[in-house]
Amino acid sequence: MTVIGGDDSPVYLRLRGMISAMILDGKYAEGDQLPSVRAFAAEHGANPLTVAKAYQSLQERGYVTVKRGVGMFVAEGAQRQLKLDERELFLSDQWPRIRRHIDRLGLEAQDLFGRVDA
């Protein structure tokens, strides 16, 4: 899973990435209830079935839990585990492609770090 999905990725993956980013950023803390499927779908202009698929994917990975009749909640340890999983994915999948692109363009570290927004 990646927090930052490309525009060509399926909608449910982009929604899952959006929710994951909110967990990583602390908008949803451990124990917080996520918006209902319908509320999240309405807020983001998505199909409720697509949102349900994104939520299901997060549940399968252990980042959220379901309390029947109540809703979805951010699981204990979700932020820490999500950060570990995202770091590993970045370093093993995304970074090598980024590094090759940097090399292809002949960029140096000062070129990159001089443009970092704070």
N, C-alpha and C. Protein backbone atom coordinates (compact mmCIF):
# COMPACT_ATOMS: atom_id res chain seq x y z
N MET A 1 0.85 -1.17 0.00
CA MET A 1 0.00 0.00 0.00
C MET A 1 0.89 1.22 0.00
N THR A 2 0.43 2.23 -0.62
CA THR A 2 1.15 3.48 -0.58
C THR A 2 0.20 4.60 -0.27
N VAL A 3 0.67 5.50 0.55
CA VAL A 3 -0.16 6.64 0.91
C VAL A 3 -0.40 7.51 -0.30
N ILE A 4 0.63 7.71 -1.06
CA ILE A 4 0.52 8.59 -2.22
C ILE A 4 0.30 7.71 -3.44
N GLY A 5 -0.96 7.63 -3.88
CA GLY A 5 -1.28 6.83 -5.05
C GLY A 5 -1.26 7.71 -6.29
N GLY A 6 -0.91 7.11 -7.40
CA GLY A 6 -0.92 7.85 -8.66
C GLY A 6 -2.35 8.04 -9.14
N ASP A 7 -2.53 8.98 -10.03
CA ASP A 7 -3.85 9.23 -10.58
C ASP A 7 -4.39 8.05 -11.36
N ASP A 8 -3.51 7.17 -11.80
CA ASP A 8 -3.95 6.02 -12.58
C ASP A 8 -4.29 4.82 -11.70
N SER A 9 -4.13 4.94 -10.39
CA SER A 9 -4.47 3.83 -9.50
C SER A 9 -5.98 3.79 -9.29
N PRO A 10 -6.52 2.60 -8.96
CA PRO A 10 -7.96 2.50 -8.73
C PRO A 10 -8.42 3.46 -7.62
N VAL A 11 -9.67 3.89 -7.73
CA VAL A 11 -10.20 4.89 -6.79
C VAL A 11 -10.11 4.39 -5.35
N TYR A 12 -10.42 3.12 -5.11
CA TYR A 12 -10.40 2.64 -3.73
C TYR A 12 -8.99 2.72 -3.15
N LEU A 13 -7.95 2.53 -3.99
CA LEU A 13 -6.58 2.66 -3.50
C LEU A 13 -6.25 4.11 -3.18
N ARG A 14 -6.75 5.03 -4.00
CA ARG A 14 -6.52 6.45 -3.70
C ARG A 14 -7.23 6.85 -2.42
N LEU A 15 -8.44 6.34 -2.21
CA LEU A 15 -9.16 6.63 -0.97
C LEU A 15 -8.46 6.01 0.22
N ARG A 16 -7.98 4.78 0.07
CA ARG A 16 -7.24 4.13 1.15
C ARG A 16 -5.99 4.93 1.48
N GLY A 17 -5.31 5.42 0.44
CA GLY A 17 -4.14 6.25 0.65
C GLY A 17 -4.47 7.55 1.37
N MET A 18 -5.60 8.13 1.03
CA MET A 18 -6.04 9.37 1.67
C MET A 18 -6.30 9.14 3.16
N ILE A 19 -6.98 8.05 3.48
CA ILE A 19 -7.28 7.73 4.88
C ILE A 19 -5.98 7.40 5.62
N SER A 20 -5.10 6.64 4.97
CA SER A 20 -3.81 6.32 5.59
C SER A 20 -3.02 7.57 5.90
N ALA A 21 -3.02 8.52 4.97
CA ALA A 21 -2.31 9.78 5.19
C ALA A 21 -2.90 10.53 6.38
N MET A 22 -4.22 10.50 6.51
CA MET A 22 -4.85 11.18 7.64
C MET A 22 -4.48 10.52 8.96
N ILE A 23 -4.31 9.20 8.95
CA ILE A 23 -3.87 8.51 10.17
C ILE A 23 -2.42 8.87 10.46
N LEU A 24 -1.56 8.85 9.45
CA LEU A 24 -0.16 9.21 9.64
C LEU A 24 0.00 10.65 10.11
N ASP A 25 -0.82 11.54 9.58
CA ASP A 25 -0.75 12.96 9.94
C ASP A 25 -1.40 13.27 11.28
N GLY A 26 -2.07 12.29 11.87
CA GLY A 26 -2.70 12.49 13.18
C GLY A 26 -4.11 13.08 13.12
N LYS A 27 -4.67 13.24 11.93
CA LYS A 27 -6.05 13.74 11.84
C LYS A 27 -6.99 12.73 12.48
N TYR A 28 -6.70 11.45 12.26
CA TYR A 28 -7.41 10.37 12.95
C TYR A 28 -6.40 9.67 13.84
N ALA A 29 -6.59 9.80 15.13
CA ALA A 29 -5.69 9.18 16.10
C ALA A 29 -6.19 7.78 16.45
N GLU A 30 -5.33 7.01 17.07
CA GLU A 30 -5.73 5.68 17.51
C GLU A 30 -6.96 5.79 18.41
N GLY A 31 -7.95 4.96 18.11
CA GLY A 31 -9.19 4.96 18.87
C GLY A 31 -10.25 5.88 18.30
N ASP A 32 -9.86 6.77 17.39
CA ASP A 32 -10.84 7.67 16.78
C ASP A 32 -11.76 6.91 15.84
N GLN A 33 -12.99 7.34 15.79
CA GLN A 33 -13.94 6.76 14.86
C GLN A 33 -13.78 7.43 13.50
N LEU A 34 -13.73 6.61 12.46
CA LEU A 34 -13.69 7.13 11.10
C LEU A 34 -15.11 7.54 10.69
N PRO A 35 -15.22 8.45 9.74
CA PRO A 35 -16.55 8.80 9.24
C PRO A 35 -17.24 7.55 8.69
N SER A 36 -18.55 7.54 8.72
CA SER A 36 -19.28 6.42 8.13
C SER A 36 -18.95 6.34 6.65
N VAL A 37 -19.18 5.19 6.08
CA VAL A 37 -18.93 5.00 4.65
C VAL A 37 -19.70 6.05 3.85
N ARG A 38 -20.96 6.25 4.17
CA ARG A 38 -21.78 7.21 3.43
C ARG A 38 -21.28 8.64 3.60
N ALA A 39 -20.90 8.99 4.82
CA ALA A 39 -20.41 10.35 5.07
C ALA A 39 -19.10 10.60 4.33
N PHE A 40 -18.19 9.64 4.38
CA PHE A 40 -16.90 9.80 3.69
C PHE A 40 -17.12 9.87 2.19
N ALA A 41 -18.01 9.03 1.68
CA ALA A 41 -18.31 9.02 0.24
C ALA A 41 -18.88 10.37 -0.19
N ALA A 42 -19.81 10.90 0.58
CA ALA A 42 -20.42 12.19 0.24
C ALA A 42 -19.39 13.31 0.30
N GLU A 43 -18.55 13.29 1.30
CA GLU A 43 -17.53 14.34 1.48
C GLU A 43 -16.52 14.36 0.33
N HIS A 44 -16.22 13.17 -0.22
CA HIS A 44 -15.17 13.07 -1.22
C HIS A 44 -15.70 12.74 -2.62
N GLY A 45 -17.02 12.77 -2.77
CA GLY A 45 -17.61 12.52 -4.08
C GLY A 45 -17.34 11.13 -4.62
N ALA A 46 -17.33 10.16 -3.73
CA ALA A 46 -17.03 8.78 -4.13
C ALA A 46 -18.27 7.90 -3.96
N ASN A 47 -18.23 6.76 -4.60
CA ASN A 47 -19.27 5.77 -4.47
C ASN A 47 -19.13 5.10 -3.10
N PRO A 48 -20.21 4.93 -2.34
CA PRO A 48 -20.10 4.28 -1.03
C PRO A 48 -19.49 2.87 -1.10
N LEU A 49 -19.75 2.13 -2.17
CA LEU A 49 -19.16 0.79 -2.29
C LEU A 49 -17.64 0.87 -2.44
N THR A 50 -17.17 1.91 -3.09
CA THR A 50 -15.73 2.10 -3.26
C THR A 50 -15.09 2.46 -1.92
N VAL A 51 -15.76 3.32 -1.16
CA VAL A 51 -15.26 3.68 0.18
C VAL A 51 -15.26 2.44 1.07
N ALA A 52 -16.32 1.63 0.99
CA ALA A 52 -16.38 0.40 1.79
C ALA A 52 -15.21 -0.52 1.45
N LYS A 53 -14.85 -0.58 0.18
CA LYS A 53 -13.71 -1.41 -0.25
C LYS A 53 -12.40 -0.87 0.34
N ALA A 54 -12.25 0.45 0.35
CA ALA A 54 -11.05 1.07 0.94
C ALA A 54 -10.99 0.77 2.44
N TYR A 55 -12.12 0.92 3.13
CA TYR A 55 -12.17 0.64 4.56
C TYR A 55 -11.86 -0.84 4.83
N GLN A 56 -12.42 -1.73 4.00
CA GLN A 56 -12.18 -3.16 4.16
C GLN A 56 -10.70 -3.48 4.02
N SER A 57 -10.05 -2.84 3.07
CA SER A 57 -8.62 -3.04 2.85
C SER A 57 -7.82 -2.60 4.08
N LEU A 58 -8.19 -1.48 4.66
CA LEU A 58 -7.51 -1.00 5.87
C LEU A 58 -7.76 -1.95 7.03
N GLN A 59 -8.96 -2.50 7.10
CA GLN A 59 -9.28 -3.45 8.16
C GLN A 59 -8.47 -4.74 8.00
N GLU A 60 -8.37 -5.23 6.78
CA GLU A 60 -7.61 -6.46 6.52
C GLU A 60 -6.15 -6.31 6.92
N ARG A 61 -5.61 -5.10 6.84
CA ARG A 61 -4.22 -4.84 7.21
C ARG A 61 -4.07 -4.53 8.70
N GLY A 62 -5.17 -4.46 9.41
CA GLY A 62 -5.13 -4.24 10.85
C GLY A 62 -5.01 -2.78 11.27
N TYR A 63 -5.20 -1.85 10.35
CA TYR A 63 -5.10 -0.43 10.68
C TYR A 63 -6.40 0.11 11.27
N VAL A 64 -7.51 -0.51 10.95
CA VAL A 64 -8.79 -0.11 11.53
C VAL A 64 -9.52 -1.35 12.02
N THR A 65 -10.40 -1.13 12.97
CA THR A 65 -11.22 -2.21 13.52
C THR A 65 -12.68 -1.81 13.41
N VAL A 66 -13.53 -2.81 13.43
CA VAL A 66 -14.97 -2.59 13.33
C VAL A 66 -15.62 -2.92 14.66
N LYS A 67 -16.49 -2.03 15.08
CA LYS A 67 -17.36 -2.32 16.22
C LYS A 67 -18.76 -2.41 15.63
N ARG A 68 -19.28 -3.62 15.57
CA ARG A 68 -20.57 -3.86 14.93
C ARG A 68 -21.64 -2.91 15.47
N GLY A 69 -22.33 -2.30 14.55
CA GLY A 69 -23.41 -1.38 14.91
C GLY A 69 -22.94 -0.01 15.35
N VAL A 70 -21.63 0.17 15.45
CA VAL A 70 -21.09 1.46 15.89
C VAL A 70 -20.30 2.13 14.78
N GLY A 71 -19.33 1.40 14.19
CA GLY A 71 -18.54 1.97 13.10
C GLY A 71 -17.12 1.46 13.07
N MET A 72 -16.31 2.17 12.28
CA MET A 72 -14.89 1.84 12.09
C MET A 72 -14.05 2.76 12.96
N PHE A 73 -13.01 2.18 13.55
CA PHE A 73 -12.13 2.93 14.44
C PHE A 73 -10.68 2.65 14.07
N VAL A 74 -9.83 3.66 14.27
CA VAL A 74 -8.40 3.48 14.05
C VAL A 74 -7.88 2.54 15.14
N ALA A 75 -7.22 1.49 14.71
CA ALA A 75 -6.73 0.46 15.63
C ALA A 75 -5.55 0.96 16.46
N GLU A 76 -5.40 0.37 17.62
CA GLU A 76 -4.25 0.68 18.47
C GLU A 76 -2.98 0.25 17.73
N GLY A 77 -1.98 1.12 17.69
CA GLY A 77 -0.73 0.84 17.02
C GLY A 77 -0.77 1.05 15.52
N ALA A 78 -1.90 1.52 15.00
CA ALA A 78 -2.06 1.68 13.55
C ALA A 78 -1.07 2.69 12.97
N GLN A 79 -0.91 3.82 13.63
CA GLN A 79 -0.03 4.85 13.10
C GLN A 79 1.41 4.34 13.02
N ARG A 80 1.87 3.70 14.07
CA ARG A 80 3.24 3.17 14.10
C ARG A 80 3.42 2.11 13.01
N GLN A 81 2.49 1.17 12.91
CA GLN A 81 2.61 0.10 11.93
C GLN A 81 2.49 0.64 10.50
N LEU A 82 1.59 1.58 10.32
CA LEU A 82 1.41 2.19 9.00
C LEU A 82 2.69 2.91 8.57
N LYS A 83 3.30 3.61 9.52
CA LYS A 83 4.56 4.31 9.21
C LYS A 83 5.66 3.31 8.83
N LEU A 84 5.77 2.21 9.57
CA LEU A 84 6.77 1.20 9.25
C LEU A 84 6.51 0.59 7.87
N ASP A 85 5.25 0.26 7.60
CA ASP A 85 4.90 -0.34 6.32
C ASP A 85 5.15 0.62 5.17
N GLU A 86 4.79 1.88 5.36
CA GLU A 86 4.99 2.87 4.30
C GLU A 86 6.47 3.16 4.07
N ARG A 87 7.26 3.19 5.14
CA ARG A 87 8.71 3.39 4.98
C ARG A 87 9.31 2.27 4.16
N GLU A 88 8.95 1.03 4.49
CA GLU A 88 9.48 -0.12 3.77
C GLU A 88 9.07 -0.07 2.31
N LEU A 89 7.83 0.23 2.04
CA LEU A 89 7.35 0.33 0.66
C LEU A 89 8.09 1.43 -0.09
N PHE A 90 8.27 2.57 0.56
CA PHE A 90 8.98 3.68 -0.09
C PHE A 90 10.41 3.27 -0.43
N LEU A 91 11.11 2.69 0.55
CA LEU A 91 12.51 2.34 0.33
C LEU A 91 12.70 1.21 -0.67
N SER A 92 11.78 0.27 -0.71
CA SER A 92 11.95 -0.88 -1.60
C SER A 92 11.34 -0.67 -2.98
N ASP A 93 10.31 0.16 -3.09
CA ASP A 93 9.60 0.30 -4.35
C ASP A 93 9.74 1.69 -4.98
N GLN A 94 9.44 2.71 -4.22
CA GLN A 94 9.40 4.05 -4.78
C GLN A 94 10.79 4.69 -4.89
N TRP A 95 11.61 4.56 -3.85
CA TRP A 95 12.91 5.22 -3.85
C TRP A 95 13.80 4.78 -5.02
N PRO A 96 13.90 3.49 -5.32
CA PRO A 96 14.75 3.12 -6.46
C PRO A 96 14.33 3.79 -7.77
N ARG A 97 13.02 3.92 -8.01
CA ARG A 97 12.56 4.59 -9.22
C ARG A 97 12.87 6.09 -9.16
N ILE A 98 12.69 6.69 -8.00
CA ILE A 98 13.00 8.11 -7.84
C ILE A 98 14.49 8.34 -8.03
N ARG A 99 15.30 7.47 -7.45
CA ARG A 99 16.76 7.58 -7.55
C ARG A 99 17.22 7.48 -9.00
N ARG A 100 16.64 6.53 -9.75
CA ARG A 100 16.99 6.40 -11.16
C ARG A 100 16.61 7.66 -11.94
N HIS A 101 15.49 8.26 -11.59
CA HIS A 101 15.05 9.48 -12.27
C HIS A 101 15.99 10.65 -11.93
N ILE A 102 16.40 10.73 -10.68
CA ILE A 102 17.35 11.76 -10.25
C ILE A 102 18.66 11.62 -11.04
N ASP A 103 19.14 10.39 -11.12
CA ASP A 103 20.38 10.14 -11.87
C ASP A 103 20.21 10.48 -13.34
N ARG A 104 19.08 10.10 -13.90
CA ARG A 104 18.80 10.35 -15.32
C ARG A 104 18.83 11.85 -15.62
N LEU A 105 18.34 12.64 -14.68
CA LEU A 105 18.28 14.10 -14.87
C LEU A 105 19.58 14.80 -14.46
N GLY A 106 20.50 14.07 -13.86
CA GLY A 106 21.77 14.66 -13.45
C GLY A 106 21.63 15.60 -12.27
N LEU A 107 20.66 15.36 -11.43
CA LEU A 107 20.45 16.22 -10.26
C LEU A 107 21.42 15.86 -9.15
N GLU A 108 21.81 16.87 -8.39
CA GLU A 108 22.68 16.69 -7.22
C GLU A 108 21.86 16.97 -5.96
N ALA A 109 22.39 16.55 -4.82
CA ALA A 109 21.68 16.74 -3.55
C ALA A 109 21.31 18.20 -3.31
N GLN A 110 22.22 19.12 -3.62
CA GLN A 110 21.93 20.54 -3.38
C GLN A 110 20.79 21.02 -4.26
N ASP A 111 20.63 20.44 -5.45
CA ASP A 111 19.50 20.78 -6.32
C ASP A 111 18.19 20.41 -5.66
N LEU A 112 18.19 19.27 -5.01
CA LEU A 112 16.97 18.75 -4.38
C LEU A 112 16.67 19.45 -3.06
N PHE A 113 17.68 19.53 -2.19
CA PHE A 113 17.46 20.09 -0.87
C PHE A 113 17.25 21.60 -0.90
N GLY A 114 17.72 22.24 -1.92
CA GLY A 114 17.50 23.68 -2.05
C GLY A 114 16.08 24.03 -2.39
N ARG A 115 15.28 23.02 -2.77
CA ARG A 115 13.89 23.27 -3.18
C ARG A 115 12.88 22.67 -2.23
N VAL A 116 13.30 22.14 -1.13
CA VAL A 116 12.38 21.52 -0.18
C VAL A 116 11.57 22.58 0.51
N ASP A 117 10.25 22.44 0.47
CA ASP A 117 9.36 23.38 1.19
C ASP A 117 9.31 22.98 2.65
N ALA A 118 9.35 23.96 3.50
CA ALA A 118 9.31 23.68 4.95
C ALA A 118 7.91 23.48 5.44
